[in-house]
């Protein structure tokens, strides 16, 4: 296995620990293994072992790893959105700016009287 691909898988597993799915890390591990083993995701040139073919294969691998890194960033975005929604649900909508302004105005009017 190419070192970049191995590093990509490790990153995916690390990020996948917080992935919001009922199966959690097992779902992420299964999906990433399927993706890495699928030959359609990275079509290498086989047969000739010349330097030109090796360079082309290296570019193909790097391009596929770049797509994998994009997927990891999307996973991170999904995780952050899930955490944000959970915090918002747990602690409410936040500060009510209009209500707060009216309360401050009422306090000032009461103070002036």
C-alpha atoms as a PDB file:
ATOM      1  CA  UNK A   1       0.000   0.000   0.000  1.00  0.00           C
ATOM      2  CA  UNK A   2       1.255   3.448  -0.906  1.00  0.00           C
ATOM      3  CA  UNK A   3       2.241   5.549   2.143  1.00  0.00           C
ATOM      4  CA  UNK A   4      -0.076   8.408   1.105  1.00  0.00           C
ATOM      5  CA  UNK A   5      -3.016   6.017   0.941  1.00  0.00           C
ATOM      6  CA  UNK A   6      -2.176   4.559   4.345  1.00  0.00           C
ATOM      7  CA  UNK A   7      -1.948   8.064   5.826  1.00  0.00           C
ATOM      8  CA  UNK A   8      -5.287   8.969   4.228  1.00  0.00           C
ATOM      9  CA  UNK A   9      -6.949   5.923   5.796  1.00  0.00           C
ATOM     10  CA  UNK A  10      -5.513   6.782   9.216  1.00  0.00           C
ATOM     11  CA  UNK A  11      -6.858  10.327   8.910  1.00  0.00           C
ATOM     12  CA  UNK A  12     -10.271   9.032   7.907  1.00  0.00           C
ATOM     13  CA  UNK A  13     -10.419   6.718  10.909  1.00  0.00           C
ATOM     14  CA  UNK A  14      -9.322   9.523  13.245  1.00  0.00           C
ATOM     15  CA  UNK A  15     -11.978  11.888  11.898  1.00  0.00           C
ATOM     16  CA  UNK A  16     -14.557   9.106  11.729  1.00  0.00           C
ATOM     17  CA  UNK A  17     -14.603   8.584  15.488  1.00  0.00           C
ATOM     18  CA  UNK A  18     -17.045  11.484  15.821  1.00  0.00           C
ATOM     19  CA  UNK A  19     -19.001  10.796  12.630  1.00  0.00           C
ATOM     20  CA  UNK A  20     -22.756  11.150  13.306  1.00  0.00           C
ATOM     21  CA  UNK A  21     -24.013   7.749  12.204  1.00  0.00           C
ATOM     22  CA  UNK A  22     -25.742   5.107  14.328  1.00  0.00           C
ATOM     23  CA  UNK A  23     -22.931   2.621  13.676  1.00  0.00           C
ATOM     24  CA  UNK A  24     -20.243   5.266  14.269  1.00  0.00           C
ATOM     25  CA  UNK A  25     -16.651   4.295  13.591  1.00  0.00           C
ATOM     26  CA  UNK A  26     -17.580   0.870  12.237  1.00  0.00           C
ATOM     27  CA  UNK A  27     -19.603   2.495   9.444  1.00  0.00           C
ATOM     28  CA  UNK A  28     -16.726   4.804   8.531  1.00  0.00           C
ATOM     29  CA  UNK A  29     -14.180   1.979   8.623  1.00  0.00           C
ATOM     30  CA  UNK A  30     -16.336  -0.261   6.411  1.00  0.00           C
ATOM     31  CA  UNK A  31     -17.030   2.476   3.847  1.00  0.00           C
ATOM     32  CA  UNK A  32     -13.408   3.590   3.624  1.00  0.00           C
ATOM     33  CA  UNK A  33     -12.169   0.025   3.190  1.00  0.00           C
ATOM     34  CA  UNK A  34     -14.680  -0.488   0.390  1.00  0.00           C
ATOM     35  CA  UNK A  35     -13.578   2.746  -1.273  1.00  0.00           C
ATOM     36  CA  UNK A  36      -9.865   1.977  -0.999  1.00  0.00           C
ATOM     37  CA  UNK A  37     -10.268  -1.542  -2.342  1.00  0.00           C
ATOM     38  CA  UNK A  38     -12.471  -0.508  -5.261  1.00  0.00           C
ATOM     39  CA  UNK A  39     -10.314  -0.403  -8.426  1.00  0.00           C
ATOM     40  CA  UNK A  40     -12.687   2.101 -10.056  1.00  0.00           C
ATOM     41  CA  UNK A  41     -11.491   4.840  -7.672  1.00  0.00           C
ATOM     42  CA  UNK A  42      -7.876   4.701  -8.850  1.00  0.00           C
ATOM     43  CA  UNK A  43      -7.198   3.207 -12.278  1.00  0.00           C
ATOM     44  CA  UNK A  44      -3.466   2.565 -12.479  1.00  0.00           C
ATOM     45  CA  UNK A  45      -1.567   1.625 -15.607  1.00  0.00           C
ATOM     46  CA  UNK A  46      -0.398  -1.960 -15.304  1.00  0.00           C
ATOM     47  CA  UNK A  47       2.157  -4.001 -17.146  1.00  0.00           C
ATOM     48  CA  UNK A  48       5.159  -1.903 -18.153  1.00  0.00           C
ATOM     49  CA  UNK A  49       7.462  -0.875 -15.293  1.00  0.00           C
ATOM     50  CA  UNK A  50       9.174   1.995 -17.095  1.00  0.00           C
ATOM     51  CA  UNK A  51       9.845   5.287 -15.289  1.00  0.00           C
ATOM     52  CA  UNK A  52       7.210   7.087 -17.389  1.00  0.00           C
ATOM     53  CA  UNK A  53       4.491   4.659 -16.296  1.00  0.00           C
ATOM     54  CA  UNK A  54       5.667   4.936 -12.674  1.00  0.00           C
ATOM     55  CA  UNK A  55       5.381   8.733 -12.865  1.00  0.00           C
ATOM     56  CA  UNK A  56       1.909   8.538 -14.371  1.00  0.00           C
ATOM     57  CA  UNK A  57       0.798   6.067 -11.692  1.00  0.00           C
ATOM     58  CA  UNK A  58       2.214   8.347  -8.988  1.00  0.00           C
ATOM     59  CA  UNK A  59       0.179  11.271 -10.373  1.00  0.00           C
ATOM     60  CA  UNK A  60      -2.954   9.115 -10.472  1.00  0.00           C
ATOM     61  CA  UNK A  61      -2.432   8.057  -6.841  1.00  0.00           C
ATOM     62  CA  UNK A  62      -1.832  11.645  -5.716  1.00  0.00           C
ATOM     63  CA  UNK A  63      -4.973  12.815  -7.503  1.00  0.00           C
ATOM     64  CA  UNK A  64      -7.020  10.055  -5.845  1.00  0.00           C
ATOM     65  CA  UNK A  65      -5.540  10.950  -2.439  1.00  0.00           C
ATOM     66  CA  UNK A  66      -6.526  14.568  -3.069  1.00  0.00           C
ATOM     67  CA  UNK A  67     -10.129  13.474  -3.642  1.00  0.00           C
ATOM     68  CA  UNK A  68      -9.937  11.440  -0.436  1.00  0.00           C
ATOM     69  CA  UNK A  69      -8.708  14.465   1.514  1.00  0.00           C
ATOM     70  CA  UNK A  70     -11.655  16.427   0.158  1.00  0.00           C
ATOM     71  CA  UNK A  71     -14.002  13.719   1.474  1.00  0.00           C
ATOM     72  CA  UNK A  72     -12.319  13.932   4.880  1.00  0.00           C
ATOM     73  CA  UNK A  73     -12.878  17.702   4.946  1.00  0.00           C
ATOM     74  CA  UNK A  74     -16.530  17.096   4.114  1.00  0.00           C
ATOM     75  CA  UNK A  75     -16.730  14.583   6.973  1.00  0.00           C
ATOM     76  CA  UNK A  76     -15.254  17.188   9.320  1.00  0.00           C
ATOM     77  CA  UNK A  77     -17.879  19.690   8.155  1.00  0.00           C
ATOM     78  CA  UNK A  78     -20.654  17.185   8.808  1.00  0.00           C
ATOM     79  CA  UNK A  79     -19.309  16.498  12.287  1.00  0.00           C
ATOM     80  CA  UNK A  80     -19.074  20.214  13.091  1.00  0.00           C
ATOM     81  CA  UNK A  81     -22.614  20.801  11.850  1.00  0.00           C
ATOM     82  CA  UNK A  82     -23.905  17.949  14.005  1.00  0.00           C
ATOM     83  CA  UNK A  83     -22.114  19.345  17.066  1.00  0.00           C
ATOM     84  CA  UNK A  84     -23.428  22.847  16.361  1.00  0.00           C
ATOM     85  CA  UNK A  85     -26.998  21.625  16.012  1.00  0.00           C
ATOM     86  CA  UNK A  86     -26.700  19.595  19.212  1.00  0.00           C
ATOM     87  CA  UNK A  87     -25.379  22.584  21.164  1.00  0.00           C
ATOM     88  CA  UNK A  88     -28.077  24.839  19.748  1.00  0.00           C
ATOM     89  CA  UNK A  89     -30.785  22.330  20.637  1.00  0.00           C
ATOM     90  CA  UNK A  90     -29.335  21.833  24.100  1.00  0.00           C
ATOM     91  CA  UNK A  91     -28.795  25.462  25.054  1.00  0.00           C
ATOM     92  CA  UNK A  92     -31.466  27.258  23.043  1.00  0.00           C
ATOM     93  CA  UNK A  93     -31.413  29.812  20.311  1.00  0.00           C
ATOM     94  CA  UNK A  94     -28.977  32.132  22.069  1.00  0.00           C
ATOM     95  CA  UNK A  95     -29.454  35.741  23.060  1.00  0.00           C
ATOM     96  CA  UNK A  96     -32.723  37.315  21.987  1.00  0.00           C
ATOM     97  CA  UNK A  97     -31.433  40.687  20.746  1.00  0.00           C
ATOM     98  CA  UNK A  98     -34.856  42.389  20.380  1.00  0.00           C
ATOM     99  CA  UNK A  99     -36.091  41.155  23.741  1.00  0.00           C
ATOM    100  CA  UNK A 100     -32.836  42.155  25.400  1.00  0.00           C
ATOM    101  CA  UNK A 101     -33.006  45.644  23.911  1.00  0.00           C
ATOM    102  CA  UNK A 102     -36.578  46.145  25.130  1.00  0.00           C
ATOM    103  CA  UNK A 103     -35.635  44.976  28.644  1.00  0.00           C
ATOM    104  CA  UNK A 104     -32.696  47.391  28.752  1.00  0.00           C
ATOM    105  CA  UNK A 105     -34.912  50.230  27.507  1.00  0.00           C
ATOM    106  CA  UNK A 106     -37.527  49.458  30.164  1.00  0.00           C
ATOM    107  CA  UNK A 107     -34.841  49.388  32.845  1.00  0.00           C
ATOM    108  CA  UNK A 108     -33.557  52.783  31.731  1.00  0.00           C
ATOM    109  CA  UNK A 109     -37.075  54.259  31.739  1.00  0.00           C
ATOM    110  CA  UNK A 110     -37.664  52.898  35.246  1.00  0.00           C
ATOM    111  CA  UNK A 111     -34.349  54.297  36.413  1.00  0.00           C
ATOM    112  CA  UNK A 112     -35.078  57.783  35.076  1.00  0.00           C
ATOM    113  CA  UNK A 113     -38.456  57.978  36.865  1.00  0.00           C
END
